[in-house]
C-alpha atoms as a PDB file:
ATOM      1  CA  MET A   1       0.000   0.000   0.000  1.00  0.00           C
ATOM      2  CA  ILE A   2       2.719   2.476   1.010  1.00  0.00           C
ATOM      3  CA  GLY A   3       4.880   1.631  -1.966  1.00  0.00           C
ATOM      4  CA  SER A   4       1.997   2.194  -4.370  1.00  0.00           C
ATOM      5  CA  PHE A   5       1.404   5.809  -3.454  1.00  0.00           C
ATOM      6  CA  MET A   6       5.047   6.682  -2.932  1.00  0.00           C
ATOM      7  CA  THR A   7       5.901   5.645  -6.500  1.00  0.00           C
ATOM      8  CA  SER A   8       2.938   7.394  -8.098  1.00  0.00           C
ATOM      9  CA  SER A   9       3.917  10.506 -10.034  1.00  0.00           C
ATOM     10  CA  LYS A  10       0.700  12.349  -9.135  1.00  0.00           C
ATOM     11  CA  PRO A  11      -0.981  11.058  -5.983  1.00  0.00           C
ATOM     12  CA  LYS A  12      -4.752  11.380  -6.105  1.00  0.00           C
ATOM     13  CA  PRO A  13      -6.353  13.744  -3.562  1.00  0.00           C
ATOM     14  CA  GLY A  14      -8.151  12.028  -0.698  1.00  0.00           C
ATOM     15  CA  ASN A  15     -11.898  11.549  -0.721  1.00  0.00           C
ATOM     16  CA  PRO A  16     -13.435  14.351   1.402  1.00  0.00           C
ATOM     17  CA  LEU A  17     -16.140  11.978   2.677  1.00  0.00           C
ATOM     18  CA  VAL A  18     -13.438   9.643   3.981  1.00  0.00           C
ATOM     19  CA  GLY A  19     -11.834  12.624   5.713  1.00  0.00           C
ATOM     20  CA  VAL A  20     -15.126  13.544   7.428  1.00  0.00           C
ATOM     21  CA  LEU A  21     -15.639   9.906   8.470  1.00  0.00           C
ATOM     22  CA  ILE A  22     -12.167   9.477   9.962  1.00  0.00           C
ATOM     23  CA  ASN A  23     -11.699  12.964  11.431  1.00  0.00           C
ATOM     24  CA  ILE A  24     -15.215  13.509  12.797  1.00  0.00           C
ATOM     25  CA  ALA A  25     -17.653  10.580  12.665  1.00  0.00           C
ATOM     26  CA  ILE A  26     -15.463   7.783  14.064  1.00  0.00           C
ATOM     27  CA  PRO A  27     -13.931   9.890  16.898  1.00  0.00           C
ATOM     28  CA  VAL A  28     -17.411  11.116  17.894  1.00  0.00           C
ATOM     29  CA  VAL A  29     -18.732   7.536  18.130  1.00  0.00           C
ATOM     30  CA  ILE A  30     -15.712   6.408  20.155  1.00  0.00           C
ATOM     31  CA  LEU A  31     -15.855   9.364  22.538  1.00  0.00           C
ATOM     32  CA  THR A  32     -19.610   9.318  23.104  1.00  0.00           C
ATOM     33  CA  VAL A  33     -20.224   5.546  23.152  1.00  0.00           C
ATOM     34  CA  LEU A  34     -17.024   3.528  23.622  1.00  0.00           C
ATOM     35  CA  SER A  35     -15.405   5.766  26.258  1.00  0.00           C
ATOM     36  CA  LYS A  36     -17.647   4.407  28.997  1.00  0.00           C
ATOM     37  CA  GLU A  37     -16.003   2.326  31.720  1.00  0.00           C
ATOM     38  CA  LYS A  38     -17.654  -0.901  30.515  1.00  0.00           C
ATOM     39  CA  TYR A  39     -15.930  -0.497  27.122  1.00  0.00           C
ATOM     40  CA  LEU A  40     -12.607   1.316  26.650  1.00  0.00           C
ATOM     41  CA  GLY A  41     -12.828   3.786  29.498  1.00  0.00           C
ATOM     42  CA  PRO A  42     -12.308   7.576  29.186  1.00  0.00           C
ATOM     43  CA  VAL A  43      -8.511   7.560  28.815  1.00  0.00           C
ATOM     44  CA  ARG A  44      -8.198   4.657  26.363  1.00  0.00           C
ATOM     45  CA  GLY A  45     -11.271   5.895  24.524  1.00  0.00           C
ATOM     46  CA  MET A  46      -9.680   9.327  24.122  1.00  0.00           C
ATOM     47  CA  ILE A  47      -6.467   7.754  22.804  1.00  0.00           C
ATOM     48  CA  ALA A  48      -8.377   5.522  20.363  1.00  0.00           C
ATOM     49  CA  ALA A  49     -10.439   8.446  19.085  1.00  0.00           C
ATOM     50  CA  LEU A  50      -7.381  10.628  18.521  1.00  0.00           C
ATOM     51  CA  LEU A  51      -5.432   7.893  16.722  1.00  0.00           C
ATOM     52  CA  PHE A  52      -7.761   7.992  13.709  1.00  0.00           C
ATOM     53  CA  PRO A  53      -7.229  11.675  12.708  1.00  0.00           C
ATOM     54  CA  ILE A  54      -3.531  11.504  13.644  1.00  0.00           C
ATOM     55  CA  ILE A  55      -2.835   8.445  11.452  1.00  0.00           C
ATOM     56  CA  TYR A  56      -5.001   9.786   8.622  1.00  0.00           C
ATOM     57  CA  GLY A  57      -3.329  13.210   8.752  1.00  0.00           C
ATOM     58  CA  THR A  58       0.156  11.668   8.795  1.00  0.00           C
ATOM     59  CA  HIS A  59      -0.758   9.373   5.899  1.00  0.00           C
ATOM     60  CA  THR A  60      -1.996  12.390   3.936  1.00  0.00           C
ATOM     61  CA  LEU A  61       1.245  14.265   4.542  1.00  0.00           C
ATOM     62  CA  ILE A  62       3.268  11.276   3.318  1.00  0.00           C
ATOM     63  CA  ARG A  63       1.037  10.779   0.270  1.00  0.00           C
ATOM     64  CA  GLU A  64       1.356  14.440  -0.737  1.00  0.00           C
ATOM     65  CA  ARG A  65       5.176  14.142  -0.379  1.00  0.00           C
ATOM     66  CA  ARG A  66       5.444  17.507   1.301  1.00  0.00           C
ATOM     67  CA  VAL A  67       4.885  19.096   4.693  1.00  0.00           C
ATOM     68  CA  ASP A  68       1.721  21.160   4.532  1.00  0.00           C
ATOM     69  CA  PHE A  69       1.749  23.917   7.154  1.00  0.00           C
ATOM     70  CA  ILE A  70      -1.990  23.774   7.874  1.00  0.00           C
ATOM     71  CA  ALA A  71      -2.182  19.973   7.886  1.00  0.00           C
ATOM     72  CA  ALA A  72       0.794  19.791  10.245  1.00  0.00           C
ATOM     73  CA  LEU A  73      -0.863  22.232  12.620  1.00  0.00           C
ATOM     74  CA  GLY A  74      -4.001  20.105  12.496  1.00  0.00           C
ATOM     75  CA  ILE A  75      -2.057  17.048  13.634  1.00  0.00           C
ATOM     76  CA  VAL A  76      -0.395  19.075  16.413  1.00  0.00           C
ATOM     77  CA  SER A  77      -3.839  20.314  17.484  1.00  0.00           C
ATOM     78  CA  VAL A  78      -5.179  16.765  17.772  1.00  0.00           C
ATOM     79  CA  LEU A  79      -2.092  15.658  19.719  1.00  0.00           C
ATOM     80  CA  LEU A  80      -2.465  18.568  22.140  1.00  0.00           C
ATOM     81  CA  THR A  81      -6.123  17.701  22.729  1.00  0.00           C
ATOM     82  CA  GLY A  82      -5.096  14.165  23.686  1.00  0.00           C
ATOM     83  CA  ILE A  83      -2.217  15.308  25.895  1.00  0.00           C
ATOM     84  CA  PHE A  84      -4.348  17.902  27.714  1.00  0.00           C
ATOM     85  CA  SER A  85      -7.106  15.339  28.258  1.00  0.00           C
ATOM     86  CA  ILE A  86      -4.815  12.546  29.471  1.00  0.00           C
ATOM     87  CA  LEU A  87      -2.963  14.937  31.817  1.00  0.00           C
ATOM     88  CA  GLN A  88      -6.398  16.066  33.048  1.00  0.00           C
ATOM     89  CA  LEU A  89      -5.643  19.744  32.533  1.00  0.00           C
ATOM     90  CA  PRO A  90      -8.530  22.203  33.036  1.00  0.00           C
ATOM     91  CA  PRO A  91     -11.007  22.516  30.120  1.00  0.00           C
ATOM     92  CA  GLU A  92      -9.904  26.155  29.695  1.00  0.00           C
ATOM     93  CA  TRP A  93      -6.614  24.848  28.289  1.00  0.00           C
ATOM     94  CA  ILE A  94      -8.414  22.955  25.542  1.00  0.00           C
ATOM     95  CA  ALA A  95     -10.593  25.994  24.822  1.00  0.00           C
ATOM     96  CA  CYS A  96      -7.473  28.153  24.403  1.00  0.00           C
ATOM     97  CA  LYS A  97      -5.848  25.475  22.245  1.00  0.00           C
ATOM     98  CA  GLU A  98      -8.928  25.237  20.015  1.00  0.00           C
ATOM     99  CA  ALA A  99      -8.742  28.993  19.431  1.00  0.00           C
ATOM    100  CA  SER A 100      -4.956  29.240  19.093  1.00  0.00           C
ATOM    101  CA  VAL A 101      -4.534  26.919  16.077  1.00  0.00           C
ATOM    102  CA  PRO A 102      -6.687  28.850  13.536  1.00  0.00           C
ATOM    103  CA  LEU A 103      -5.520  32.115  15.122  1.00  0.00           C
ATOM    104  CA  LEU A 104      -1.865  31.210  14.504  1.00  0.00           C
ATOM    105  CA  ILE A 105      -2.603  30.161  10.917  1.00  0.00           C
ATOM    106  CA  GLY A 106      -4.434  33.433  10.244  1.00  0.00           C
ATOM    107  CA  LEU A 107      -1.622  35.504  11.758  1.00  0.00           C
ATOM    108  CA  ALA A 108       0.991  33.540   9.778  1.00  0.00           C
ATOM    109  CA  ILE A 109      -0.884  34.248   6.530  1.00  0.00           C
ATOM    110  CA  VAL A 110      -1.128  37.970   7.281  1.00  0.00           C
ATOM    111  CA  ILE A 111       2.493  38.286   8.463  1.00  0.00           C
ATOM    112  CA  SER A 112       3.743  36.404   5.396  1.00  0.00           C
ATOM    113  CA  LEU A 113       2.493  39.291   3.242  1.00  0.00           C
ATOM    114  CA  LYS A 114       5.679  41.089   4.284  1.00  0.00           C
ATOM    115  CA  THR A 115       7.850  38.217   2.997  1.00  0.00           C
ATOM    116  CA  PRO A 116       8.879  37.307  -0.588  1.00  0.00           C
ATOM    117  CA  CYS A 117       6.626  34.181  -0.451  1.00  0.00           C
ATOM    118  CA  PRO A 118       3.161  35.026   0.931  1.00  0.00           C
ATOM    119  CA  LEU A 119       1.344  31.909   2.144  1.00  0.00           C
ATOM    120  CA  ILE A 120      -1.839  33.069   0.437  1.00  0.00           C
ATOM    121  CA  ARG A 121      -0.261  32.290  -2.936  1.00  0.00           C
ATOM    122  CA  LYS A 122       0.192  28.634  -1.957  1.00  0.00           C
ATOM    123  CA  ILE A 123      -3.359  28.460  -0.616  1.00  0.00           C
ATOM    124  CA  LEU A 124      -5.409  30.364  -3.208  1.00  0.00           C
ATOM    125  CA  MET A 125      -3.086  30.396  -6.223  1.00  0.00           C
ATOM    126  CA  SER A 126      -2.567  26.651  -6.105  1.00  0.00           C
ATOM    127  CA  ARG A 127      -1.389  24.779  -9.200  1.00  0.00           C
ATOM    128  CA  SER A 128      -3.951  22.108  -8.376  1.00  0.00           C
ATOM    129  CA  LEU A 129      -6.672  24.733  -8.960  1.00  0.00           C
ATOM    130  CA  PHE A 130      -5.295  27.124 -11.578  1.00  0.00           C
ATOM    131  CA  ASP A 131      -2.935  27.252 -14.533  1.00  0.00           C
ATOM    132  CA  VAL A 132      -0.653  29.577 -12.593  1.00  0.00           C
ATOM    133  CA  ASP A 133       1.878  30.073 -15.410  1.00  0.00           C
ATOM    134  CA  LEU A 134      -0.863  31.155 -17.831  1.00  0.00           C
ATOM    135  CA  LEU A 135      -2.336  33.555 -15.284  1.00  0.00           C
ATOM    136  CA  HIS A 136       1.021  35.208 -14.604  1.00  0.00           C
ATOM    137  CA  ALA A 137       1.706  35.482 -18.330  1.00  0.00           C
ATOM    138  CA  ARG A 138      -1.646  37.179 -18.963  1.00  0.00           C
ATOM    139  CA  LEU A 139      -1.267  39.537 -16.011  1.00  0.00           C
ATOM    140  CA  HIS A 140       2.170  40.549 -17.313  1.00  0.00           C
ATOM    141  CA  GLU A 141       0.860  40.921 -20.865  1.00  0.00           C
ATOM    142  CA  LYS A 142      -1.939  43.256 -19.769  1.00  0.00           C
ATOM    143  CA  GLY A 143       0.213  45.150 -17.270  1.00  0.00           C
ATOM    144  CA  ASN A 144      -2.031  44.218 -14.333  1.00  0.00           C
ATOM    145  CA  GLU A 145       0.542  42.557 -12.083  1.00  0.00           C
ATOM    146  CA  GLN A 146       0.630  45.398  -9.554  1.00  0.00           C
ATOM    147  CA  VAL A 147      -3.148  45.681  -9.562  1.00  0.00           C
ATOM    148  CA  PHE A 148      -3.424  41.969  -8.833  1.00  0.00           C
ATOM    149  CA  GLU A 149      -0.925  42.234  -5.961  1.00  0.00           C
ATOM    150  CA  LYS A 150      -3.119  44.896  -4.325  1.00  0.00           C
ATOM    151  CA  GLN A 151      -6.245  42.788  -4.843  1.00  0.00           C
ATOM    152  CA  LEU A 152      -4.460  39.754  -3.410  1.00  0.00           C
ATOM    153  CA  THR A 153      -3.653  41.675  -0.242  1.00  0.00           C
ATOM    154  CA  GLY A 154      -7.343  42.402   0.264  1.00  0.00           C
ATOM    155  CA  LEU A 155      -8.232  38.767  -0.394  1.00  0.00           C
ATOM    156  CA  THR A 156      -5.591  37.726   2.131  1.00  0.00           C
ATOM    157  CA  TRP A 157      -7.340  39.664   4.873  1.00  0.00           C
ATOM    158  CA  GLY A 158     -10.652  38.151   3.773  1.00  0.00           C
ATOM    159  CA  PHE A 159      -9.211  34.639   3.970  1.00  0.00           C
ATOM    160  CA  ALA A 160      -7.531  35.332   7.306  1.00  0.00           C
ATOM    161  CA  SER A 161     -10.828  36.662   8.685  1.00  0.00           C
ATOM    162  CA  SER A 162     -12.343  33.195   8.210  1.00  0.00           C
ATOM    163  CA  LEU A 163      -9.589  31.786  10.420  1.00  0.00           C
ATOM    164  CA  PHE A 164     -10.058  34.497  13.039  1.00  0.00           C
ATOM    165  CA  LEU A 165     -13.788  33.691  12.980  1.00  0.00           C
ATOM    166  CA  SER A 166     -12.901  30.018  13.441  1.00  0.00           C
ATOM    167  CA  ALA A 167     -10.740  30.879  16.457  1.00  0.00           C
ATOM    168  CA  GLY A 168     -13.584  32.750  18.138  1.00  0.00           C
ATOM    169  CA  LEU A 169     -16.168  30.067  17.379  1.00  0.00           C
ATOM    170  CA  ASN A 170     -13.848  27.268  18.510  1.00  0.00           C
ATOM    171  CA  TYR A 171     -13.197  29.003  21.816  1.00  0.00           C
ATOM    172  CA  GLY A 172     -16.878  29.722  22.414  1.00  0.00           C
ATOM    173  CA  LEU A 173     -17.902  26.160  21.554  1.00  0.00           C
ATOM    174  CA  ALA A 174     -15.259  24.633  23.832  1.00  0.00           C
ATOM    175  CA  LYS A 175     -16.262  26.895  26.733  1.00  0.00           C
ATOM    176  CA  ALA A 176     -19.940  26.043  26.233  1.00  0.00           C
ATOM    177  CA  VAL A 177     -19.538  22.262  25.913  1.00  0.00           C
ATOM    178  CA  LEU A 178     -16.563  21.267  28.100  1.00  0.00           C
ATOM    179  CA  ARG A 179     -17.804  21.450  31.685  1.00  0.00           C
ATOM    180  CA  SER A 180     -16.897  18.099  33.295  1.00  0.00           C
ATOM    181  CA  PRO A 181     -13.560  17.215  34.949  1.00  0.00           C
ATOM    182  CA  PRO A 182     -11.004  15.744  32.495  1.00  0.00           C
ATOM    183  CA  GLY A 183     -10.461  11.991  32.687  1.00  0.00           C
ATOM    184  CA  THR A 184     -14.137  11.213  33.253  1.00  0.00           C
ATOM    185  CA  GLU A 185     -16.707   9.553  30.999  1.00  0.00           C
ATOM    186  CA  ALA A 186     -18.676  12.795  30.883  1.00  0.00           C
ATOM    187  CA  PHE A 187     -15.632  14.759  29.711  1.00  0.00           C
ATOM    188  CA  ALA A 188     -14.867  12.237  26.955  1.00  0.00           C
ATOM    189  CA  ALA A 189     -18.488  12.439  25.792  1.00  0.00           C
ATOM    190  CA  GLU A 190     -18.285  16.244  25.821  1.00  0.00           C
ATOM    191  CA  VAL A 191     -15.151  16.185  23.643  1.00  0.00           C
ATOM    192  CA  GLY A 192     -17.038  13.947  21.232  1.00  0.00           C
ATOM    193  CA  ARG A 193     -20.020  16.300  21.238  1.00  0.00           C
ATOM    194  CA  MET A 194     -17.704  19.281  20.646  1.00  0.00           C
ATOM    195  CA  THR A 195     -16.037  17.463  17.720  1.00  0.00           C
ATOM    196  CA  GLY A 196     -19.405  16.746  16.107  1.00  0.00           C
ATOM    197  CA  LEU A 197     -20.828  20.224  16.693  1.00  0.00           C
ATOM    198  CA  SER A 198     -17.683  21.905  15.379  1.00  0.00           C
ATOM    199  CA  TYR A 199     -18.557  20.741  11.866  1.00  0.00           C
ATOM    200  CA  ILE A 200     -21.785  22.781  11.972  1.00  0.00           C
ATOM    201  CA  VAL A 201     -20.879  25.611  14.349  1.00  0.00           C
ATOM    202  CA  VAL A 202     -17.329  26.245  13.109  1.00  0.00           C
ATOM    203  CA  THR A 203     -16.555  24.560   9.788  1.00  0.00           C
ATOM    204  CA  LEU A 204     -19.630  25.577   7.767  1.00  0.00           C
ATOM    205  CA  PRO A 205     -19.482  29.334   8.578  1.00  0.00           C
ATOM    206  CA  CYS A 206     -15.728  29.451   7.944  1.00  0.00           C
ATOM    207  CA  MET A 207     -16.025  27.475   4.707  1.00  0.00           C
ATOM    208  CA  THR A 208     -18.698  29.937   3.559  1.00  0.00           C
ATOM    209  CA  VAL A 209     -16.288  32.839   4.061  1.00  0.00           C
ATOM    210  CA  MET A 210     -13.500  30.947   2.256  1.00  0.00           C
ATOM    211  CA  ILE A 211     -15.781  30.166  -0.694  1.00  0.00           C
ATOM    212  CA  LEU A 212     -16.729  33.854  -0.958  1.00  0.00           C
ATOM    213  CA  VAL A 213     -13.017  34.740  -1.002  1.00  0.00           C
ATOM    214  CA  LEU A 214     -12.383  32.163  -3.732  1.00  0.00           C
ATOM    215  CA  VAL A 215     -15.283  33.543  -5.803  1.00  0.00           C
ATOM    216  CA  ALA A 216     -13.839  37.045  -5.401  1.00  0.00           C
ATOM    217  CA  LEU A 217     -10.440  35.736  -6.529  1.00  0.00           C
ATOM    218  CA  VAL A 218     -11.953  34.190  -9.682  1.00  0.00           C
ATOM    219  CA  ARG A 219     -13.784  37.439 -10.509  1.00  0.00           C
ATOM    220  CA  THR A 220     -10.566  39.401  -9.997  1.00  0.00           C
ATOM    221  CA  LEU A 221      -8.588  37.059 -12.246  1.00  0.00           C
ATOM    222  CA  THR A 222     -11.185  37.021 -15.020  1.00  0.00           C
ATOM    223  CA  GLY A 223     -11.318  40.806 -14.951  1.00  0.00           C
ATOM    224  CA  LEU A 224      -7.560  41.347 -14.976  1.00  0.00           C
ATOM    225  CA  THR A 225      -6.584  38.582 -17.430  1.00  0.00           C
ATOM    226  CA  GLY A 226      -9.577  38.479 -19.771  1.00  0.00           C
ATOM    227  CA  LEU A 227      -9.678  34.692 -19.404  1.00  0.00           C
ATOM    228  CA  LYS A 228     -12.774  32.623 -18.786  1.00  0.00           C
ATOM    229  CA  LEU A 229     -12.933  30.346 -15.761  1.00  0.00           C
ATOM    230  CA  ASP A 230     -12.488  27.188 -17.873  1.00  0.00           C
ATOM    231  CA  ASP A 231      -9.329  28.626 -19.455  1.00  0.00           C
ATOM    232  CA  MET A 232      -7.633  29.477 -16.158  1.00  0.00           C
ATOM    233  CA  LEU A 233      -8.269  26.162 -14.423  1.00  0.00           C
ATOM    234  CA  ALA A 234      -5.489  23.602 -13.974  1.00  0.00           C
ATOM    235  CA  GLU A 235      -5.177  21.010 -16.731  1.00  0.00           C
ATOM    236  CA  GLU A 236      -6.597  18.168 -14.630  1.00  0.00           C
ATOM    237  CA  LEU A 237      -9.681  20.206 -13.706  1.00  0.00           C
ATOM    238  CA  ARG A 238     -10.199  21.245 -17.344  1.00  0.00           C
ATOM    239  CA  GLU A 239     -10.106  17.599 -18.405  1.00  0.00           C
ATOM    240  CA  LYS A 240     -12.683  16.646 -15.779  1.00  0.00           C
ATOM    241  CA  ALA A 241     -14.959  19.550 -16.727  1.00  0.00           C
ATOM    242  CA  ALA A 242     -14.689  18.914 -20.471  1.00  0.00           C
ATOM    243  CA  PRO A 243     -17.793  17.261 -22.022  1.00  0.00           C
ATOM    244  CA  LYS A 244     -17.189  13.650 -22.995  1.00  0.00           C
ATOM    245  CA  GLY A 245     -17.494  12.660 -26.661  1.00  0.00           C
ATOM    246  CA  PRO A 246     -19.867  10.061 -28.055  1.00  0.00           C
ATOM    247  CA  SER A 247     -17.162   7.381 -27.888  1.00  0.00           C
ATOM    248  CA  SER A 248     -17.047   7.630 -24.083  1.00  0.00           C
ATOM    249  CA  MET A 249     -20.688   6.620 -23.935  1.00  0.00           C
ATOM    250  CA  GLU A 250     -20.126   3.321 -25.715  1.00  0.00           C
END
């Protein structure tokens, strides 16, 4: 299994439904059902629940053949949740941790604007989404490179705002849900409830903001380059979006 994806020239992206199952659904079931004393117990249940997203996240990093800053922080976040819970630290620590991860990512994105390699370029201007070389060539041809840089700065703050929103929502959710002493069945169940609710309370609002930023980016690029959306997409996405000929129906 490992050899197959390490030798592949272009590893396929993971199925998002599998990610939701492993990172949310399975840990929630373990924490809310199997963490009772008659099954795994709160400590072993917490460890079992955290192993799934940790192993999946590590596998994803290996498959992509690169260290992704956000994915790495996600793994660190999960590890910290387990450590805080096993050490039975006060719930306030987990609440602060839940807020600190997206807050640090947002600050890193904003601060990187002052560096030669802004992180927003790797996130929004990804070669898996766009034909980056074509876009740069068109921007240069039309003399809109500086205009795009200014627009990208505004989009950076829009993208970072979704992470700052996530930090606030994560903190509020953790404070509202985590009320029992760590190391107990009730606390393990509350962590499971927080994990499940975070998908609705945190992920959906933040994803909405990110989608709006991406739509604004596409409008900016179409306006400054004169290209249509289909023309600026990465080659793999263009091939998937292209209508299939009659021969494919046979």
